[in-house]
N, C-alpha and C. Protein backbone atom coordinates (compact mmCIF):
# COMPACT_ATOMS: atom_id res chain seq x y z
N MET A 1 29.04 -39.38 0.86
CA MET A 1 27.66 -38.71 1.15
C MET A 1 26.94 -39.23 2.73
N GLU A 2 26.90 -38.14 3.67
CA GLU A 2 26.48 -38.57 4.55
C GLU A 2 25.06 -38.61 4.99
N HIS A 3 24.62 -39.50 5.89
CA HIS A 3 23.30 -39.84 6.21
C HIS A 3 22.98 -39.93 7.57
N ALA A 4 21.82 -39.28 7.85
CA ALA A 4 21.29 -39.12 9.11
C ALA A 4 21.27 -40.57 9.78
N PRO A 5 21.93 -40.55 11.21
CA PRO A 5 21.87 -42.44 11.57
C PRO A 5 20.92 -42.66 11.97
N SER A 6 20.63 -43.94 11.26
CA SER A 6 19.38 -44.76 11.56
C SER A 6 19.70 -45.18 12.95
N GLN A 7 18.20 -45.99 13.38
CA GLN A 7 17.85 -46.42 14.80
C GLN A 7 18.97 -47.50 15.05
N GLY A 8 19.59 -47.03 16.40
CA GLY A 8 20.39 -48.19 16.88
C GLY A 8 21.99 -47.95 16.39
N GLN A 9 22.01 -47.04 15.78
CA GLN A 9 23.48 -46.21 15.12
C GLN A 9 23.86 -45.12 15.99
N SER A 10 25.07 -44.94 15.91
CA SER A 10 25.77 -43.71 16.44
C SER A 10 26.18 -43.03 15.54
N ALA A 11 26.30 -41.32 15.34
CA ALA A 11 27.02 -40.73 14.76
C ALA A 11 27.95 -39.74 15.48
N ALA A 12 28.66 -39.35 14.65
CA ALA A 12 29.67 -38.39 14.89
C ALA A 12 28.78 -37.25 15.57
N PRO A 13 29.81 -36.75 16.41
CA PRO A 13 28.74 -35.55 17.27
C PRO A 13 28.93 -34.49 16.30
N GLY A 14 27.66 -33.64 16.17
CA GLY A 14 27.40 -32.78 15.41
C GLY A 14 27.10 -32.81 13.67
N VAL A 15 27.36 -34.25 13.45
CA VAL A 15 26.75 -34.27 11.96
C VAL A 15 25.22 -34.35 11.83
N TYR A 16 24.61 -34.89 12.89
CA TYR A 16 23.13 -35.04 12.49
C TYR A 16 22.62 -33.55 12.65
N ASP A 17 23.35 -32.52 13.46
CA ASP A 17 22.78 -31.58 13.67
C ASP A 17 22.70 -30.62 12.46
N MET A 18 24.26 -30.56 12.03
CA MET A 18 24.65 -29.94 10.74
C MET A 18 23.94 -30.09 9.39
N HIS A 19 23.29 -31.43 9.63
CA HIS A 19 22.10 -31.90 8.60
C HIS A 19 21.21 -30.93 8.66
N VAL A 20 20.51 -31.07 9.81
CA VAL A 20 19.34 -30.33 9.96
C VAL A 20 19.68 -28.88 9.85
N VAL A 21 20.47 -28.31 10.38
CA VAL A 21 20.65 -26.48 10.14
C VAL A 21 20.86 -26.36 8.43
N GLY A 22 21.73 -27.39 7.86
CA GLY A 22 21.80 -27.02 6.52
C GLY A 22 20.22 -27.25 5.67
N ASN A 23 19.47 -27.95 6.13
CA ASN A 23 18.05 -28.34 5.51
C ASN A 23 17.44 -26.97 5.67
N SER A 24 17.44 -26.64 7.08
CA SER A 24 16.81 -25.38 7.73
C SER A 24 17.08 -24.23 6.87
N GLU A 25 18.42 -23.76 6.52
CA GLU A 25 18.77 -22.75 5.64
C GLU A 25 18.48 -22.91 4.49
N ALA A 26 18.55 -23.97 4.01
CA ALA A 26 17.89 -24.11 2.48
C ALA A 26 16.19 -23.87 2.13
N LEU A 27 15.51 -24.26 3.42
CA LEU A 27 14.21 -24.12 3.08
C LEU A 27 14.04 -22.30 3.59
N LEU A 28 14.70 -21.74 4.50
CA LEU A 28 14.70 -20.07 4.83
C LEU A 28 14.78 -19.46 3.38
N LEU A 29 16.29 -19.60 2.76
CA LEU A 29 16.66 -19.02 1.66
C LEU A 29 15.50 -19.25 0.29
N GLU A 30 14.87 -20.59 0.30
CA GLU A 30 13.91 -20.50 -0.45
C GLU A 30 12.53 -19.93 -0.40
N GLU A 31 12.11 -19.88 0.86
CA GLU A 31 10.87 -19.13 1.18
C GLU A 31 11.36 -17.60 1.08
N TYR A 32 12.51 -16.81 1.65
CA TYR A 32 12.94 -15.89 1.35
C TYR A 32 12.63 -15.03 -0.06
N ARG A 33 13.23 -16.18 -1.22
CA ARG A 33 13.22 -15.77 -2.43
C ARG A 33 11.28 -15.67 -2.59
N HIS A 34 10.69 -16.58 -2.29
CA HIS A 34 9.30 -16.60 -2.52
C HIS A 34 8.84 -15.29 -2.07
N LEU A 35 8.81 -14.82 -0.87
CA LEU A 35 8.68 -13.95 0.11
C LEU A 35 8.85 -12.35 -0.91
N ALA A 36 10.18 -12.73 -1.06
CA ALA A 36 10.54 -11.49 -1.81
C ALA A 36 10.09 -10.86 -3.48
N ASP A 37 9.92 -12.09 -3.90
CA ASP A 37 8.96 -11.98 -5.24
C ASP A 37 7.63 -11.33 -4.81
N SER A 38 6.73 -12.16 -4.11
CA SER A 38 5.34 -11.50 -4.01
C SER A 38 5.30 -10.09 -3.41
N LEU A 39 6.37 -9.67 -2.39
CA LEU A 39 6.60 -8.38 -2.13
C LEU A 39 6.38 -7.29 -3.39
N THR A 40 7.41 -7.95 -4.12
CA THR A 40 7.45 -7.05 -5.46
C THR A 40 6.20 -7.00 -6.57
N ARG A 41 5.50 -8.10 -6.60
CA ARG A 41 4.25 -8.35 -7.25
C ARG A 41 3.50 -7.29 -6.75
N ASN A 42 3.31 -7.81 -5.43
CA ASN A 42 2.44 -7.04 -4.40
C ASN A 42 2.10 -5.16 -4.55
N GLU A 43 3.62 -4.50 -4.65
CA GLU A 43 3.98 -3.51 -4.74
C GLU A 43 3.64 -2.71 -6.24
N ASP A 44 3.82 -3.57 -7.21
CA ASP A 44 3.70 -3.70 -8.81
C ASP A 44 1.97 -3.07 -8.83
N ARG A 45 1.30 -4.21 -8.18
CA ARG A 45 -0.02 -3.99 -8.48
C ARG A 45 -0.46 -2.88 -8.08
N GLY A 46 -0.11 -2.57 -6.66
CA GLY A 46 -0.60 -1.42 -6.23
C GLY A 46 -0.49 0.15 -7.00
N GLU A 47 0.84 0.08 -7.07
CA GLU A 47 1.14 1.15 -8.41
C GLU A 47 0.55 1.09 -9.55
N ARG A 48 0.31 -0.02 -10.13
CA ARG A 48 -0.40 0.11 -11.51
C ARG A 48 -1.76 0.82 -10.94
N ARG A 49 -2.43 0.04 -9.92
CA ARG A 49 -3.80 0.73 -9.69
C ARG A 49 -4.02 2.10 -9.68
N ALA A 50 -3.06 2.70 -9.11
CA ALA A 50 -3.16 3.99 -8.76
C ALA A 50 -3.05 4.72 -10.35
N GLU A 51 -1.74 4.03 -11.19
CA GLU A 51 -1.61 4.73 -12.45
C GLU A 51 -2.83 4.49 -13.23
N TRP A 52 -3.96 3.65 -13.13
CA TRP A 52 -4.99 3.58 -13.98
C TRP A 52 -6.06 4.39 -13.50
N PHE A 53 -5.89 4.49 -12.00
CA PHE A 53 -7.04 5.35 -11.29
C PHE A 53 -6.78 6.99 -12.04
N LEU A 54 -5.78 7.19 -11.75
CA LEU A 54 -4.62 8.82 -12.36
C LEU A 54 -5.22 8.96 -13.86
N LEU A 55 -5.15 7.92 -14.55
CA LEU A 55 -5.31 7.89 -16.03
C LEU A 55 -6.87 8.30 -16.19
N PHE A 56 -7.46 7.35 -15.53
CA PHE A 56 -9.15 7.65 -15.49
C PHE A 56 -9.58 9.05 -15.15
N ALA A 57 -9.14 9.56 -14.03
CA ALA A 57 -9.46 10.75 -13.63
C ALA A 57 -9.25 11.85 -14.90
N ALA A 58 -8.01 11.54 -15.15
CA ALA A 58 -7.38 12.60 -15.84
C ALA A 58 -8.49 13.09 -17.58
N ALA A 59 -8.70 11.59 -17.98
CA ALA A 59 -9.84 11.33 -19.10
C ALA A 59 -10.89 11.94 -19.07
N MET A 60 -11.50 11.61 -17.95
CA MET A 60 -12.92 11.77 -17.44
C MET A 60 -13.03 13.35 -17.51
N VAL A 61 -11.73 14.41 -16.74
CA VAL A 61 -11.63 15.85 -16.93
C VAL A 61 -11.43 16.10 -18.16
N ALA A 62 -10.95 15.60 -19.04
CA ALA A 62 -10.52 16.33 -20.33
C ALA A 62 -11.87 15.79 -21.10
N LEU A 63 -12.59 14.85 -21.02
CA LEU A 63 -13.69 14.99 -21.79
C LEU A 63 -14.93 15.95 -21.07
N LEU A 64 -14.74 15.87 -19.96
CA LEU A 64 -15.79 17.04 -19.10
C LEU A 64 -15.37 18.49 -19.99
N VAL A 65 -14.41 19.06 -20.06
CA VAL A 65 -13.95 19.98 -20.86
C VAL A 65 -14.18 20.06 -22.25
N ALA A 66 -14.15 19.02 -22.89
CA ALA A 66 -14.37 18.90 -24.21
C ALA A 66 -15.87 19.07 -24.91
N VAL A 67 -16.21 18.17 -23.71
CA VAL A 67 -17.86 18.10 -24.18
C VAL A 67 -18.61 19.65 -23.48
N ARG A 68 -18.17 19.63 -22.26
CA ARG A 68 -19.24 20.83 -21.48
C ARG A 68 -20.38 20.73 -21.48
N PRO A 69 -20.93 19.29 -20.77
CA PRO A 69 -22.65 19.18 -20.96
C PRO A 69 -22.90 20.09 -19.67
N SER A 70 -24.23 19.83 -19.63
CA SER A 70 -25.05 20.43 -18.38
C SER A 70 -24.28 20.41 -17.20
N MET A 71 -24.77 20.88 -16.15
CA MET A 71 -24.50 20.44 -14.68
C MET A 71 -24.66 19.53 -14.05
N ARG A 72 -26.05 19.18 -14.68
CA ARG A 72 -26.50 17.70 -14.00
C ARG A 72 -25.94 16.61 -14.69
N VAL A 73 -25.45 17.01 -15.77
CA VAL A 73 -24.51 15.79 -16.48
C VAL A 73 -23.40 15.54 -16.07
N ALA A 74 -22.69 16.88 -15.87
CA ALA A 74 -21.19 17.09 -15.41
C ALA A 74 -21.04 16.44 -13.86
N ALA A 75 -22.31 16.51 -12.96
CA ALA A 75 -22.06 16.10 -11.63
C ALA A 75 -21.47 14.74 -11.69
N PHE A 76 -21.96 13.67 -12.87
CA PHE A 76 -21.68 12.16 -12.61
C PHE A 76 -20.38 12.18 -13.00
N VAL A 77 -19.47 13.01 -13.45
CA VAL A 77 -18.04 12.96 -13.52
C VAL A 77 -17.46 12.82 -12.36
N PRO A 78 -17.23 13.86 -11.46
CA PRO A 78 -16.69 13.64 -10.01
C PRO A 78 -17.41 12.52 -9.42
N ALA A 79 -18.45 12.15 -9.20
CA ALA A 79 -18.79 11.23 -8.70
C ALA A 79 -18.53 9.79 -8.98
N THR A 80 -18.46 9.68 -10.17
CA THR A 80 -18.02 8.66 -10.61
C THR A 80 -16.47 8.01 -10.55
N VAL A 81 -15.80 9.35 -10.53
CA VAL A 81 -14.21 9.49 -9.96
C VAL A 81 -13.85 9.06 -8.59
N LEU A 82 -14.88 9.75 -7.75
CA LEU A 82 -14.87 9.73 -6.13
C LEU A 82 -15.14 7.79 -6.00
N LEU A 83 -16.07 7.33 -6.80
CA LEU A 83 -16.39 6.12 -6.41
C LEU A 83 -15.14 5.31 -6.64
N LEU A 84 -14.44 5.60 -8.17
CA LEU A 84 -13.16 4.11 -8.20
C LEU A 84 -12.34 4.58 -7.57
N GLY A 85 -12.32 6.17 -7.31
CA GLY A 85 -11.16 6.59 -6.43
C GLY A 85 -11.05 5.73 -4.64
N LEU A 86 -12.43 5.77 -4.48
CA LEU A 86 -12.57 5.21 -3.06
C LEU A 86 -12.18 3.61 -3.00
N ILE A 87 -12.49 3.02 -4.10
CA ILE A 87 -12.15 1.71 -4.53
C ILE A 87 -10.76 1.09 -4.08
N THR A 88 -10.16 2.40 -5.11
CA THR A 88 -8.77 2.02 -5.38
C THR A 88 -8.09 2.41 -3.95
N ARG A 89 -8.33 3.41 -2.89
CA ARG A 89 -7.86 3.76 -1.97
C ARG A 89 -8.05 2.21 -1.07
N ALA A 90 -8.92 2.08 -0.99
CA ALA A 90 -9.45 0.34 -0.49
C ALA A 90 -8.28 -0.47 -0.63
N ARG A 91 -7.91 -0.59 -1.99
CA ARG A 91 -7.29 -1.79 -2.46
C ARG A 91 -5.57 -1.48 -2.28
N ILE A 92 -5.28 -0.11 -2.17
CA ILE A 92 -3.88 0.25 -2.03
C ILE A 92 -3.80 0.24 -0.43
N ILE A 93 -4.57 0.61 0.43
CA ILE A 93 -4.33 0.12 1.70
C ILE A 93 -4.13 -1.34 2.07
N HIS A 94 -5.28 -2.18 1.56
CA HIS A 94 -4.85 -3.49 1.56
C HIS A 94 -3.38 -3.76 1.27
N ARG A 95 -2.96 -3.54 -0.16
CA ARG A 95 -1.55 -3.48 -0.37
C ARG A 95 -0.41 -3.11 0.96
N ASN A 96 -1.11 -1.96 1.13
CA ASN A 96 0.21 -2.05 1.89
C ASN A 96 0.39 -2.50 3.32
N VAL A 97 -0.56 -3.06 3.77
CA VAL A 97 -0.92 -4.17 4.87
C VAL A 97 -0.45 -5.22 4.47
N THR A 98 -0.76 -6.05 3.15
CA THR A 98 0.19 -7.18 2.97
C THR A 98 1.86 -6.87 2.34
N ALA A 99 2.01 -5.72 2.06
CA ALA A 99 3.22 -5.57 2.10
C ALA A 99 4.17 -5.63 3.43
N ASP A 100 3.63 -4.89 4.47
CA ASP A 100 3.93 -5.00 5.52
C ASP A 100 4.08 -6.50 6.24
N GLU A 101 3.31 -7.36 6.19
CA GLU A 101 3.21 -8.74 6.57
C GLU A 101 4.34 -9.43 5.93
N TYR A 102 4.67 -9.15 4.76
CA TYR A 102 5.86 -9.59 3.99
C TYR A 102 7.16 -9.39 4.48
N ILE A 103 7.51 -8.15 4.42
CA ILE A 103 8.51 -7.40 5.13
C ILE A 103 8.78 -8.22 6.69
N GLU A 104 7.96 -8.37 7.57
CA GLU A 104 8.09 -8.98 8.87
C GLU A 104 8.51 -9.90 8.61
N LYS A 105 7.98 -10.96 7.62
CA LYS A 105 8.32 -12.40 7.51
C LYS A 105 9.74 -12.34 7.00
N ILE A 106 10.19 -11.31 6.08
CA ILE A 106 11.41 -11.35 5.41
C ILE A 106 12.16 -11.13 6.62
N ARG A 107 12.10 -10.03 7.62
CA ARG A 107 13.10 -9.73 8.55
C ARG A 107 13.25 -10.67 9.50
N ARG A 108 12.35 -11.24 9.70
CA ARG A 108 12.56 -12.75 10.63
C ARG A 108 13.57 -13.79 9.72
N ILE A 109 13.46 -13.78 8.43
CA ILE A 109 14.51 -14.88 8.04
C ILE A 109 15.98 -14.42 7.96
N GLU A 110 15.87 -12.83 7.61
CA GLU A 110 17.20 -12.47 7.86
C GLU A 110 17.75 -12.08 9.23
N THR A 111 16.77 -12.22 10.57
CA THR A 111 17.59 -11.92 11.63
C THR A 111 18.21 -13.39 11.74
N PHE A 112 17.69 -14.54 11.38
CA PHE A 112 18.05 -15.83 11.79
C PHE A 112 19.41 -16.05 10.77
N PHE A 113 19.79 -15.36 9.81
CA PHE A 113 21.14 -15.53 9.32
C PHE A 113 22.14 -14.03 9.64
N VAL A 114 21.49 -13.22 10.12
CA VAL A 114 22.59 -12.31 10.83
C VAL A 114 22.88 -12.65 12.07
N ASP A 115 21.99 -13.27 13.01
CA ASP A 115 22.50 -13.96 13.90
C ASP A 115 23.83 -14.90 13.99
N ARG A 116 23.85 -15.77 12.58
CA ARG A 116 24.92 -16.44 12.34
C ARG A 116 26.25 -15.89 11.86
N ASP A 117 26.15 -14.45 11.43
CA ASP A 117 26.65 -13.40 10.62
C ASP A 117 26.74 -12.13 10.58
N PRO A 118 26.92 -11.42 11.71
CA PRO A 118 26.12 -10.09 11.87
C PRO A 118 26.89 -8.91 10.87
N THR A 119 28.13 -9.28 10.12
CA THR A 119 28.48 -8.38 9.34
C THR A 119 27.56 -8.32 8.16
N ILE A 120 26.86 -9.05 7.68
CA ILE A 120 25.87 -9.08 6.84
C ILE A 120 24.57 -8.11 6.95
N SER A 121 24.30 -7.51 8.17
CA SER A 121 23.27 -6.51 8.30
C SER A 121 23.01 -5.45 7.93
N LYS A 122 24.36 -5.29 7.34
CA LYS A 122 24.39 -3.32 6.65
C LYS A 122 23.92 -3.76 5.18
N SER A 123 24.18 -4.99 4.78
CA SER A 123 23.57 -5.05 3.29
C SER A 123 22.10 -5.81 2.85
N LEU A 124 21.49 -5.73 4.11
CA LEU A 124 20.09 -5.94 4.04
C LEU A 124 19.45 -5.03 3.62
N PRO A 125 17.94 -5.01 2.85
CA PRO A 125 17.74 -3.80 2.38
C PRO A 125 16.45 -3.40 3.61
N PHE A 126 15.96 -4.24 4.44
CA PHE A 126 14.82 -3.80 5.59
C PHE A 126 15.38 -3.24 6.56
N PRO A 127 14.75 -2.65 7.30
CA PRO A 127 15.33 -2.11 8.86
C PRO A 127 15.18 -3.32 9.84
N PRO A 128 15.47 -3.03 10.81
CA PRO A 128 15.67 -4.14 12.00
C PRO A 128 13.86 -4.30 12.46
N PRO A 129 13.27 -5.23 12.67
CA PRO A 129 12.38 -5.62 13.25
C PRO A 129 11.65 -4.57 14.20
N GLY A 130 12.26 -3.79 15.22
CA GLY A 130 11.70 -2.97 15.91
C GLY A 130 11.55 -1.68 15.48
N GLU A 131 12.17 -1.41 13.89
CA GLU A 131 11.92 -0.13 13.61
C GLU A 131 10.59 -0.04 12.35
N LEU A 132 9.92 -1.40 12.36
CA LEU A 132 8.76 -1.42 11.38
C LEU A 132 7.81 -0.49 11.81
N GLY A 133 7.62 -0.30 12.77
CA GLY A 133 6.50 0.81 13.19
C GLY A 133 6.74 2.02 12.77
N VAL A 134 8.26 2.45 12.66
CA VAL A 134 8.37 3.68 12.14
C VAL A 134 8.20 3.68 10.54
N ARG A 135 8.70 2.40 9.92
CA ARG A 135 8.53 2.92 8.74
C ARG A 135 6.97 2.94 8.39
N ARG A 136 5.92 2.13 9.07
CA ARG A 136 4.44 2.38 8.88
C ARG A 136 4.14 3.76 9.07
N ARG A 137 4.47 4.14 9.81
CA ARG A 137 3.96 5.49 10.32
C ARG A 137 4.75 6.30 9.10
N ARG A 138 6.02 6.42 8.38
CA ARG A 138 6.39 7.12 7.38
C ARG A 138 5.56 6.83 6.32
N LEU A 139 5.29 5.64 5.94
CA LEU A 139 4.50 5.60 4.63
C LEU A 139 3.23 6.06 4.52
N ARG A 140 2.24 5.70 5.68
CA ARG A 140 1.08 6.52 5.91
C ARG A 140 0.81 7.77 6.27
N SER A 141 2.06 8.75 6.24
CA SER A 141 1.95 10.32 6.66
C SER A 141 1.21 10.94 5.45
N ILE A 142 1.00 12.01 5.94
CA ILE A 142 0.19 12.99 4.80
C ILE A 142 1.13 13.73 3.74
N TRP A 143 2.38 13.69 4.13
CA TRP A 143 3.76 14.28 3.46
C TRP A 143 4.14 13.67 2.36
N THR A 144 4.17 12.15 2.41
CA THR A 144 5.12 10.89 1.55
C THR A 144 5.25 11.27 0.07
N GLY A 145 4.01 11.44 -0.36
CA GLY A 145 3.45 11.41 -1.76
C GLY A 145 3.43 10.20 -2.63
N GLY A 146 3.13 9.28 -1.73
CA GLY A 146 3.04 7.90 -2.44
C GLY A 146 1.62 7.47 -3.25
N ALA A 147 1.45 6.53 -3.65
CA ALA A 147 0.48 6.22 -4.39
C ALA A 147 -1.08 6.34 -3.43
N LEU A 148 -1.01 6.08 -1.99
CA LEU A 148 -1.95 6.16 -1.31
C LEU A 148 -2.44 7.50 -1.33
N GLN A 149 -1.24 8.46 -0.65
CA GLN A 149 -1.94 9.98 -0.97
C GLN A 149 -2.11 10.53 -2.16
N THR A 150 -1.68 10.21 -3.25
CA THR A 150 -1.86 10.61 -4.34
C THR A 150 -3.12 10.57 -4.78
N VAL A 151 -3.77 8.95 -4.27
CA VAL A 151 -5.20 8.82 -4.58
C VAL A 151 -6.08 9.52 -3.67
N GLU A 152 -5.90 9.48 -2.69
CA GLU A 152 -6.66 10.39 -1.44
C GLU A 152 -6.92 12.00 -2.03
N PHE A 153 -5.77 12.56 -2.56
CA PHE A 153 -5.40 13.70 -3.01
C PHE A 153 -6.72 13.99 -4.27
N VAL A 154 -6.72 13.30 -5.04
CA VAL A 154 -7.92 13.11 -6.43
C VAL A 154 -9.31 13.11 -5.65
N ASN A 155 -9.21 11.79 -4.96
CA ASN A 155 -10.39 11.78 -4.18
C ASN A 155 -11.23 13.17 -3.52
N ALA A 156 -10.19 13.89 -2.89
CA ALA A 156 -10.71 15.02 -2.13
C ALA A 156 -11.13 15.87 -2.99
N LEU A 157 -10.52 15.98 -4.11
CA LEU A 157 -11.00 17.08 -5.19
C LEU A 157 -12.53 16.55 -5.95
N ALA A 158 -12.53 15.27 -6.10
CA ALA A 158 -13.69 14.82 -6.55
C ALA A 158 -14.44 14.99 -5.67
N ALA A 159 -14.41 14.90 -4.57
CA ALA A 159 -15.40 14.89 -3.46
C ALA A 159 -16.01 16.59 -3.25
N GLY A 160 -14.84 17.22 -3.38
CA GLY A 160 -15.26 18.48 -3.33
C GLY A 160 -15.80 19.07 -4.82
N ALA A 161 -15.76 18.73 -5.57
CA ALA A 161 -16.20 19.07 -6.86
C ALA A 161 -17.79 18.70 -6.99
N PHE A 162 -17.68 17.14 -6.55
CA PHE A 162 -19.11 16.88 -6.49
C PHE A 162 -20.26 17.48 -5.44
N VAL A 163 -19.94 17.83 -4.46
CA VAL A 163 -20.66 18.32 -3.56
C VAL A 163 -20.78 19.83 -3.96
N SER A 164 -19.79 20.45 -4.31
CA SER A 164 -20.15 22.04 -4.63
C SER A 164 -21.15 22.11 -6.06
N MET A 165 -21.16 21.03 -6.71
CA MET A 165 -21.89 20.93 -8.01
C MET A 165 -23.66 20.40 -7.49
N LEU A 166 -23.65 19.76 -6.27
CA LEU A 166 -24.95 19.31 -5.71
C LEU A 166 -25.99 20.49 -6.00
N PRO A 167 -25.72 21.87 -5.23
CA PRO A 167 -26.63 22.67 -5.33
C PRO A 167 -26.98 23.37 -6.86
N ALA A 168 -26.27 23.29 -7.44
CA ALA A 168 -26.43 23.69 -9.01
C ALA A 168 -27.42 22.73 -9.65
N VAL A 169 -26.94 21.64 -9.06
CA VAL A 169 -27.99 20.39 -9.86
C VAL A 169 -29.60 20.68 -9.25
N ILE A 170 -29.35 20.88 -8.04
CA ILE A 170 -30.89 20.88 -7.36
C ILE A 170 -31.87 22.03 -7.71
N PHE A 171 -30.86 23.58 -8.15
CA PHE A 171 -31.64 24.50 -8.04
C PHE A 171 -31.42 25.18 -9.56
N GLU A 172 -31.08 23.80 -10.41
CA GLU A 172 -30.56 23.87 -11.71
C GLU A 172 -29.97 25.39 -12.07
N SER A 173 -28.76 25.60 -11.74
CA SER A 173 -27.61 26.77 -11.77
C SER A 173 -26.70 26.29 -12.63
N GLU A 174 -26.12 26.87 -13.40
CA GLU A 174 -24.81 26.57 -14.10
C GLU A 174 -23.74 27.11 -13.68
N SER A 175 -23.53 27.64 -12.44
CA SER A 175 -22.38 28.32 -11.82
C SER A 175 -22.04 27.19 -10.82
N VAL A 176 -20.29 27.33 -10.24
CA VAL A 176 -20.15 26.45 -9.14
C VAL A 176 -18.92 27.35 -8.38
N SER A 177 -18.86 27.53 -6.93
CA SER A 177 -18.30 28.14 -6.37
C SER A 177 -16.93 27.25 -6.36
N ILE A 178 -15.72 28.13 -6.64
CA ILE A 178 -14.21 27.69 -6.50
C ILE A 178 -14.13 27.58 -4.83
N PHE A 179 -14.24 28.37 -3.95
CA PHE A 179 -14.32 28.30 -2.57
C PHE A 179 -15.12 27.02 -2.05
N ALA A 180 -16.24 26.54 -2.94
CA ALA A 180 -17.23 25.66 -1.97
C ALA A 180 -16.24 24.12 -2.49
N VAL A 181 -15.71 24.22 -3.68
CA VAL A 181 -14.81 23.30 -4.27
C VAL A 181 -13.61 23.05 -3.03
N LEU A 182 -12.62 23.67 -2.80
CA LEU A 182 -11.60 23.73 -1.95
C LEU A 182 -11.92 23.42 -0.94
N LEU A 183 -13.19 23.80 -0.43
CA LEU A 183 -13.65 23.55 1.28
C LEU A 183 -14.22 22.26 1.10
N GLY A 184 -14.71 21.70 0.35
CA GLY A 184 -15.13 20.29 0.20
C GLY A 184 -13.93 19.56 0.20
N ALA A 185 -12.97 19.80 -0.83
CA ALA A 185 -11.68 18.88 -1.06
C ALA A 185 -10.91 18.56 0.43
N VAL A 186 -10.70 20.02 0.76
CA VAL A 186 -9.95 19.77 2.40
C VAL A 186 -10.61 19.25 3.45
N ALA A 187 -12.58 19.10 3.46
CA ALA A 187 -12.86 18.76 4.64
C ALA A 187 -12.85 16.83 4.09
N PHE A 188 -12.80 16.78 2.98
CA PHE A 188 -12.89 15.11 2.59
C PHE A 188 -11.16 14.46 2.79
N PHE A 189 -10.31 15.44 2.10
CA PHE A 189 -9.11 14.86 2.66
C PHE A 189 -8.88 14.76 4.03
N ALA A 190 -9.31 15.47 5.04
CA ALA A 190 -9.23 15.40 6.28
C ALA A 190 -9.76 14.28 7.03
N VAL A 191 -10.84 13.80 6.33
CA VAL A 191 -11.74 12.54 6.78
C VAL A 191 -10.93 11.30 6.34
N GLU A 192 -10.35 11.34 5.42
CA GLU A 192 -9.83 10.23 4.94
C GLU A 192 -8.19 10.02 5.36
N PHE A 193 -7.72 11.21 5.66
CA PHE A 193 -6.33 11.03 6.60
C PHE A 193 -6.97 10.67 8.04
N ALA A 194 -7.74 11.28 9.02
CA ALA A 194 -8.03 10.46 9.98
C ALA A 194 -8.21 9.28 9.94
N GLU A 195 -8.97 8.91 9.05
CA GLU A 195 -9.67 7.30 9.17
C GLU A 195 -7.98 6.59 8.72
N ARG A 196 -7.24 6.90 7.90
CA ARG A 196 -6.08 6.43 7.91
C ARG A 196 -5.16 6.16 9.11
N MET A 197 -5.23 7.52 9.89
CA MET A 197 -4.30 7.39 11.05
C MET A 197 -4.98 6.60 12.48
N PHE A 198 -6.33 6.41 12.24
CA PHE A 198 -7.02 5.79 13.14
C PHE A 198 -6.93 4.36 12.62
N ARG A 199 -7.01 3.78 11.56
CA ARG A 199 -6.52 2.39 11.41
C ARG A 199 -5.05 2.22 11.35
N THR A 200 -4.13 3.00 11.35
CA THR A 200 -2.69 2.52 11.35
C THR A 200 -2.71 2.58 13.38
N SER A 201 -3.15 3.52 13.91
CA SER A 201 -2.94 3.42 15.61
C SER A 201 -3.64 2.07 16.10
N ARG A 202 -4.58 1.50 15.30
CA ARG A 202 -5.15 0.06 15.91
C ARG A 202 -4.07 -1.10 15.54
N GLU A 203 -3.24 -0.78 14.37
CA GLU A 203 -2.42 -2.01 14.43
C GLU A 203 -1.68 -2.27 15.28
N PRO A 204 -1.01 -3.56 15.81
CA PRO A 204 0.07 -3.51 16.58
C PRO A 204 1.42 -2.94 16.30
């Protein structure tokens, strides 16, 4: 068994360096496994939040159709869905930011090993560090259909429905304009998308 040289002793050239490198590699591999597990759990939590929100929204709509309450009572349904949707959206955005941080750390560890064996680079799951910004823009685009975009779409519909119901509630009417619902949904979705793009543009 090899031991690090004690004070006053000499060691064969490279023995102590190899001992340190071996310890570093073991530490990085353990950290790599920990980060990969954390990334998986983080992604799963975000997906579950989105799934529960969609189930809640669908249940509320089904209840609304089945009960057919007055317009004043019905307005609480989109308002409740919107409130929960905004909370879910904020949590998913936080999930995405945390995932990016995990991936950056994982890529640094991968780079350490790629520098020693370039042939493994094609087997690694994530893009090089310089391409992470491209990944962020792709994940947060309007067209990817991910959990965040799905929640934003439902939020927009809920906001459009709620805004269109307000005049009916105020003037005690029982009719709602479909055009007003669509207009409110498009406007709210545009606001969500603009806020997300502004947030992304401020990230390094």
